[in-house]
N, C-alpha and C. Protein backbone atom coordinates (compact mmCIF):
# COMPACT_ATOMS: atom_id res chain seq x y z
N UNK A 1 186.64 145.67 140.98
CA UNK A 1 185.68 144.73 140.46
C UNK A 1 184.43 144.70 141.21
N UNK A 2 183.29 144.48 140.46
CA UNK A 2 182.00 144.48 141.15
C UNK A 2 181.45 143.10 141.08
N UNK A 3 180.77 142.73 142.11
CA UNK A 3 180.14 141.42 142.32
C UNK A 3 178.68 141.59 142.78
N UNK A 4 177.74 140.93 142.10
CA UNK A 4 176.36 141.03 142.51
C UNK A 4 176.18 140.45 143.92
N UNK A 5 176.79 139.20 144.08
CA UNK A 5 176.81 138.48 145.45
C UNK A 5 178.22 138.64 145.92
N UNK A 6 178.63 139.77 146.29
CA UNK A 6 180.01 140.09 146.70
C UNK A 6 180.50 139.23 147.86
N UNK A 7 179.70 139.11 149.02
CA UNK A 7 180.08 138.41 150.09
C UNK A 7 180.47 136.98 149.80
N UNK A 8 179.57 136.38 149.05
CA UNK A 8 179.73 134.89 148.67
C UNK A 8 180.93 134.74 147.71
N UNK A 9 181.13 135.62 146.82
CA UNK A 9 182.18 135.57 145.89
C UNK A 9 183.45 135.82 146.51
N UNK A 10 183.56 136.72 147.43
CA UNK A 10 184.80 136.93 148.19
C UNK A 10 185.19 135.69 148.91
N UNK A 11 184.24 135.00 149.57
CA UNK A 11 184.59 133.85 150.31
C UNK A 11 185.13 132.79 149.25
N UNK A 12 184.46 132.68 148.07
CA UNK A 12 184.93 131.75 147.09
C UNK A 12 186.32 132.15 146.54
N UNK A 13 186.66 133.37 146.37
CA UNK A 13 187.99 133.79 145.94
C UNK A 13 189.07 133.41 146.98
N UNK A 14 188.65 133.52 148.24
CA UNK A 14 189.58 133.14 149.27
C UNK A 14 189.83 131.59 149.35
N UNK A 15 188.70 130.82 149.27
CA UNK A 15 188.79 129.43 149.38
C UNK A 15 189.40 128.71 148.10
N UNK A 16 189.07 129.17 146.89
CA UNK A 16 189.43 128.53 145.73
C UNK A 16 190.83 129.09 145.13
N UNK A 17 190.94 130.38 145.17
CA UNK A 17 192.14 130.98 144.64
C UNK A 17 193.19 131.34 145.61
N UNK A 18 192.90 131.32 146.99
CA UNK A 18 193.86 131.66 147.99
C UNK A 18 194.06 133.03 148.46
N UNK A 19 193.06 133.91 148.14
CA UNK A 19 193.11 135.32 148.62
C UNK A 19 192.81 135.30 150.09
N UNK A 20 193.36 136.37 150.72
CA UNK A 20 193.11 136.60 152.16
C UNK A 20 192.34 137.90 152.39
N UNK A 21 191.30 137.85 153.19
CA UNK A 21 190.62 139.14 153.50
C UNK A 21 191.58 140.06 154.31
N UNK A 22 191.66 141.31 153.79
CA UNK A 22 192.40 142.31 154.46
C UNK A 22 191.42 143.34 155.07
N UNK A 23 190.43 143.76 154.34
CA UNK A 23 189.43 144.64 154.95
C UNK A 23 188.16 144.39 154.17
N UNK A 24 187.06 144.25 154.96
CA UNK A 24 185.75 144.09 154.37
C UNK A 24 184.85 145.16 155.01
N UNK A 25 184.24 145.99 154.23
CA UNK A 25 183.32 146.99 154.74
C UNK A 25 181.90 146.63 154.34
N UNK A 26 181.12 146.00 155.22
CA UNK A 26 179.77 145.60 155.01
C UNK A 26 178.85 146.91 154.81
N UNK A 27 177.83 146.56 153.95
CA UNK A 27 176.78 147.65 153.94
C UNK A 27 175.41 147.06 154.25
N UNK A 28 174.32 147.72 153.97
CA UNK A 28 172.95 147.28 154.31
C UNK A 28 172.64 146.06 153.42
N UNK A 29 171.74 145.22 153.95
CA UNK A 29 171.15 144.08 153.15
C UNK A 29 172.19 143.20 152.46
N UNK A 30 173.31 142.89 153.26
CA UNK A 30 174.26 141.96 152.71
C UNK A 30 175.25 142.52 151.70
N UNK A 31 175.18 143.70 151.42
CA UNK A 31 176.08 144.44 150.44
C UNK A 31 177.46 144.48 151.08
N UNK A 32 178.47 144.52 150.08
CA UNK A 32 179.87 144.80 150.48
C UNK A 32 180.17 146.19 149.87
N UNK A 33 180.41 147.23 150.76
CA UNK A 33 180.67 148.52 150.21
C UNK A 33 182.05 148.65 149.59
N UNK A 34 183.05 147.84 150.31
CA UNK A 34 184.39 147.81 149.81
C UNK A 34 184.99 146.60 150.49
N UNK A 35 185.90 146.05 149.69
CA UNK A 35 186.71 144.92 150.18
C UNK A 35 188.01 144.88 149.60
N UNK A 36 189.04 144.57 150.47
CA UNK A 36 190.44 144.51 150.02
C UNK A 36 190.83 143.17 150.29
N UNK A 37 191.31 142.40 149.20
CA UNK A 37 191.78 140.95 149.31
C UNK A 37 193.21 141.00 148.94
N UNK A 38 193.99 140.28 149.73
CA UNK A 38 195.54 140.10 149.56
C UNK A 38 195.78 138.85 148.88
N UNK A 39 196.78 138.91 148.00
CA UNK A 39 197.38 137.72 147.35
C UNK A 39 198.84 137.94 147.24
N UNK A 40 199.68 137.19 148.02
CA UNK A 40 201.05 137.32 148.01
C UNK A 40 201.36 138.78 148.40
N UNK A 41 202.10 139.57 147.54
CA UNK A 41 202.42 140.95 147.83
C UNK A 41 201.51 141.82 147.12
N UNK A 42 200.36 141.37 146.54
CA UNK A 42 199.43 142.22 145.85
C UNK A 42 198.13 142.24 146.47
N UNK A 43 197.27 143.10 145.92
CA UNK A 43 195.93 143.23 146.54
C UNK A 43 194.90 143.75 145.39
N UNK A 44 193.70 143.18 145.51
CA UNK A 44 192.61 143.67 144.65
C UNK A 44 191.56 144.34 145.60
N UNK A 45 190.82 145.11 144.92
CA UNK A 45 189.62 145.71 145.64
C UNK A 45 188.36 145.38 144.86
N UNK A 46 187.32 145.18 145.65
CA UNK A 46 186.09 144.78 144.95
C UNK A 46 184.92 145.10 145.96
N UNK A 47 183.70 144.96 145.41
CA UNK A 47 182.51 145.25 146.26
C UNK A 47 181.24 144.96 145.47
N UNK A 48 180.17 145.36 145.97
CA UNK A 48 178.89 145.25 145.36
C UNK A 48 178.65 146.40 144.35
N UNK A 49 177.79 146.20 143.30
CA UNK A 49 177.48 147.26 142.43
C UNK A 49 177.00 148.50 143.19
N UNK A 50 177.33 149.73 142.76
CA UNK A 50 176.68 150.90 143.53
C UNK A 50 176.53 152.00 142.43
N UNK A 51 175.89 153.11 142.84
CA UNK A 51 175.69 154.20 141.96
C UNK A 51 176.51 155.39 142.28
N UNK A 52 177.62 155.19 142.98
CA UNK A 52 178.56 156.29 143.25
C UNK A 52 179.25 156.64 141.88
N UNK A 53 179.94 157.72 141.80
CA UNK A 53 180.50 158.09 140.45
C UNK A 53 181.37 157.01 139.77
N UNK A 54 182.29 156.27 140.46
CA UNK A 54 183.09 155.31 139.90
C UNK A 54 182.24 154.04 139.68
N UNK A 55 181.38 153.68 140.68
CA UNK A 55 180.49 152.57 140.52
C UNK A 55 179.62 152.60 139.27
N UNK A 56 179.18 153.80 138.81
CA UNK A 56 178.31 153.96 137.75
C UNK A 56 178.98 153.54 136.40
N UNK A 57 180.34 153.44 136.36
CA UNK A 57 180.96 153.03 135.13
C UNK A 57 181.40 151.64 135.08
N UNK A 58 181.22 150.94 136.21
CA UNK A 58 181.58 149.50 136.24
C UNK A 58 180.42 148.61 136.08
N UNK A 59 180.57 147.55 135.30
CA UNK A 59 179.54 146.54 135.19
C UNK A 59 180.03 145.15 135.49
N UNK A 60 179.17 144.23 135.82
CA UNK A 60 179.61 142.85 136.04
C UNK A 60 179.39 142.11 134.70
N UNK A 61 180.00 140.92 134.60
CA UNK A 61 179.86 140.18 133.37
C UNK A 61 178.32 139.84 133.16
N UNK A 62 177.66 139.66 134.30
CA UNK A 62 176.12 139.25 134.16
C UNK A 62 175.40 140.50 133.48
N UNK A 63 175.81 141.64 133.75
CA UNK A 63 175.17 142.84 133.22
C UNK A 63 175.63 143.00 131.75
N UNK A 64 176.62 142.26 131.33
CA UNK A 64 177.02 142.44 129.93
C UNK A 64 176.84 141.06 129.14
N UNK A 65 175.84 140.41 129.46
CA UNK A 65 175.51 139.09 128.84
C UNK A 65 176.68 138.18 128.84
N UNK A 66 177.47 138.12 129.98
CA UNK A 66 178.50 137.17 130.17
C UNK A 66 179.86 137.67 129.59
N UNK A 67 179.88 138.79 128.91
CA UNK A 67 181.13 139.38 128.34
C UNK A 67 181.88 140.11 129.43
N UNK A 68 183.10 140.36 129.29
CA UNK A 68 183.83 141.16 130.25
C UNK A 68 184.79 142.02 129.44
N UNK A 69 185.24 143.13 129.99
CA UNK A 69 186.08 144.11 129.29
C UNK A 69 187.56 144.03 129.82
N UNK A 70 187.83 143.23 130.82
CA UNK A 70 189.17 143.07 131.30
C UNK A 70 189.33 141.70 132.03
N UNK A 71 190.58 141.35 132.28
CA UNK A 71 190.89 140.16 132.99
C UNK A 71 192.07 140.41 133.94
N UNK A 72 192.28 139.53 134.92
CA UNK A 72 193.36 139.76 135.82
C UNK A 72 194.42 138.71 135.63
N UNK A 73 195.69 139.06 135.60
CA UNK A 73 196.88 138.19 135.51
C UNK A 73 197.59 138.28 136.77
N UNK A 74 197.82 137.15 137.52
CA UNK A 74 198.52 137.07 138.85
C UNK A 74 199.78 136.24 138.59
N UNK A 75 200.88 136.74 138.93
CA UNK A 75 202.17 135.92 138.86
C UNK A 75 202.30 135.15 140.07
N UNK A 76 202.47 133.83 139.95
CA UNK A 76 202.62 132.90 141.05
C UNK A 76 203.86 131.98 140.73
N UNK A 77 204.36 131.33 141.77
CA UNK A 77 205.43 130.45 141.53
C UNK A 77 204.93 128.98 141.44
N UNK A 78 203.90 128.62 142.07
CA UNK A 78 203.47 127.23 142.07
C UNK A 78 202.18 126.96 141.28
N UNK A 79 202.29 127.35 139.96
CA UNK A 79 201.11 127.27 139.14
C UNK A 79 200.33 126.03 139.12
N UNK A 80 201.05 124.90 138.85
CA UNK A 80 200.41 123.64 138.74
C UNK A 80 199.72 123.24 140.08
N UNK A 81 200.27 123.50 141.26
CA UNK A 81 199.65 123.28 142.47
C UNK A 81 198.39 124.14 142.62
N UNK A 82 198.55 125.43 142.30
CA UNK A 82 197.41 126.30 142.43
C UNK A 82 196.23 125.85 141.56
N UNK A 83 196.60 125.45 140.27
CA UNK A 83 195.58 124.86 139.29
C UNK A 83 194.91 123.65 139.85
N UNK A 84 195.62 122.74 140.43
CA UNK A 84 195.09 121.52 141.02
C UNK A 84 194.09 121.77 142.06
N UNK A 85 194.41 122.78 142.87
CA UNK A 85 193.52 123.16 143.91
C UNK A 85 192.25 123.87 143.48
N UNK A 86 192.36 124.75 142.44
CA UNK A 86 191.19 125.32 141.81
C UNK A 86 190.32 124.37 141.26
N UNK A 87 190.88 123.34 140.47
CA UNK A 87 190.05 122.32 139.82
C UNK A 87 189.42 121.44 140.90
N UNK A 88 190.12 121.10 141.94
CA UNK A 88 189.56 120.17 143.07
C UNK A 88 188.37 120.92 143.75
N UNK A 89 188.34 122.21 143.80
CA UNK A 89 187.37 123.01 144.44
C UNK A 89 186.17 123.53 143.50
N UNK A 90 186.29 122.99 142.25
CA UNK A 90 185.22 123.19 141.35
C UNK A 90 185.25 124.51 140.39
N UNK A 91 186.41 125.13 140.38
CA UNK A 91 186.59 126.30 139.51
C UNK A 91 186.30 125.93 138.14
N UNK A 92 185.53 126.91 137.37
CA UNK A 92 185.34 126.67 135.99
C UNK A 92 186.62 126.99 135.26
N UNK A 93 187.29 126.09 134.64
CA UNK A 93 188.60 126.27 134.01
C UNK A 93 188.17 126.72 132.45
N UNK A 94 188.73 127.87 132.17
CA UNK A 94 188.53 128.39 130.77
C UNK A 94 189.68 127.90 129.83
N UNK A 95 190.92 128.09 130.31
CA UNK A 95 192.16 127.58 129.61
C UNK A 95 192.92 126.73 130.62
N UNK A 96 193.04 125.44 130.31
CA UNK A 96 193.68 124.58 131.29
C UNK A 96 195.25 124.89 131.35
N UNK A 97 195.81 124.38 132.44
CA UNK A 97 197.18 124.48 132.76
C UNK A 97 198.00 124.20 131.51
N UNK A 98 198.87 124.99 131.24
CA UNK A 98 199.80 124.75 130.04
C UNK A 98 201.20 125.44 130.26
N UNK A 99 202.20 124.64 129.76
CA UNK A 99 203.47 125.34 129.76
C UNK A 99 203.68 125.97 128.35
N UNK A 100 203.97 127.22 128.42
CA UNK A 100 204.07 128.02 127.14
C UNK A 100 205.44 127.85 126.48
N UNK A 101 205.40 127.88 125.16
CA UNK A 101 206.70 127.82 124.35
C UNK A 101 207.54 129.03 124.62
N UNK A 102 207.04 130.14 124.94
CA UNK A 102 207.78 131.39 125.17
C UNK A 102 208.29 131.53 126.65
N UNK A 103 207.92 130.57 127.35
CA UNK A 103 208.39 130.46 128.85
C UNK A 103 207.18 130.63 129.74
N UNK A 104 207.35 130.11 130.91
CA UNK A 104 206.37 130.27 131.91
C UNK A 104 205.19 129.22 131.66
N UNK A 105 204.22 129.21 132.58
CA UNK A 105 203.15 128.28 132.53
C UNK A 105 202.04 128.97 133.25
N UNK A 106 200.81 128.50 132.89
CA UNK A 106 199.63 129.21 133.52
C UNK A 106 198.30 128.60 133.20
N UNK A 107 197.27 129.14 133.65
CA UNK A 107 195.92 128.66 133.34
C UNK A 107 194.92 129.86 133.61
N UNK A 108 193.79 129.69 133.03
CA UNK A 108 192.80 130.79 133.32
C UNK A 108 191.38 130.13 133.68
N UNK A 109 190.84 130.68 134.71
CA UNK A 109 189.54 130.30 135.26
C UNK A 109 188.57 131.43 135.38
N UNK A 110 187.29 131.04 135.51
CA UNK A 110 186.26 132.07 135.78
C UNK A 110 185.82 131.93 137.17
N UNK A 111 185.54 133.12 137.78
CA UNK A 111 184.98 133.02 139.13
C UNK A 111 183.38 132.87 139.00
N UNK A 112 182.72 132.66 140.04
CA UNK A 112 181.23 132.32 139.91
C UNK A 112 180.39 133.48 139.19
N UNK A 113 180.95 134.63 139.14
CA UNK A 113 180.18 135.75 138.44
C UNK A 113 180.78 136.05 137.15
N UNK A 114 181.68 135.27 136.52
CA UNK A 114 182.10 135.38 135.21
C UNK A 114 183.43 136.21 134.98
N UNK A 115 184.02 136.70 136.05
CA UNK A 115 185.29 137.43 135.72
C UNK A 115 186.39 136.35 135.45
N UNK A 116 187.19 136.64 134.56
CA UNK A 116 188.44 135.78 134.17
C UNK A 116 189.64 136.03 135.07
N UNK A 117 190.31 135.01 135.47
CA UNK A 117 191.47 135.12 136.23
C UNK A 117 192.50 134.24 135.65
N UNK A 118 193.75 134.74 135.34
CA UNK A 118 194.81 133.92 134.80
C UNK A 118 195.86 134.01 135.95
N UNK A 119 196.39 132.78 136.23
CA UNK A 119 197.53 132.62 137.21
C UNK A 119 198.60 132.05 136.44
N UNK A 120 199.82 132.58 136.45
CA UNK A 120 200.95 132.13 135.67
C UNK A 120 202.22 132.50 136.28
N UNK A 121 203.31 131.87 135.75
CA UNK A 121 204.61 132.08 136.25
C UNK A 121 205.45 133.11 135.48
N UNK A 122 204.81 133.42 134.33
CA UNK A 122 205.58 134.44 133.46
C UNK A 122 205.51 135.83 134.28
N UNK A 123 206.74 136.34 134.45
CA UNK A 123 206.74 137.59 135.20
C UNK A 123 207.49 138.58 134.27
N UNK A 124 206.81 139.53 133.62
CA UNK A 124 207.44 140.54 132.78
C UNK A 124 208.57 141.37 133.35
N UNK A 125 208.68 141.37 134.68
CA UNK A 125 209.67 142.09 135.32
C UNK A 125 210.99 141.45 135.40
N UNK A 126 210.92 140.14 135.22
CA UNK A 126 212.17 139.24 135.31
C UNK A 126 212.69 139.12 133.94
N UNK A 127 214.01 139.30 133.71
CA UNK A 127 214.67 139.10 132.46
C UNK A 127 214.45 137.69 131.92
N UNK A 128 214.63 136.75 132.70
CA UNK A 128 214.31 135.29 132.28
C UNK A 128 213.19 134.77 133.10
N UNK A 129 212.07 134.83 132.55
CA UNK A 129 210.82 134.42 133.28
C UNK A 129 210.51 132.96 133.00
N UNK A 130 211.35 132.20 132.36
CA UNK A 130 211.03 130.77 132.12
C UNK A 130 211.15 129.96 133.27
């Protein structure tokens, strides 16, 4: 994922969504060349936009007039608690907390730069994810 204000957004992701900084590689002029953020037993990687081969094919929602071409789904156990923290810290909620008819519960929020994040209890690896 790319963020125009990567350092600020990384702090926001940690504060609001509960990520932990694993590795931050700073660059010139406040840029983040590479960051690894942990969440439970998973990890995301992000940084500032760049013109390296892979960076050239990635765009931020701001560069796409607020649209995005992907979203993130993270399986968690304490969805309602996570939702309440995100709301209390001012996260922009796109889809509010809901228990789904097909099992599980979840919500979707946007980060400050427009990426969508869904946190839910539905785990496709579990036979009974309700």
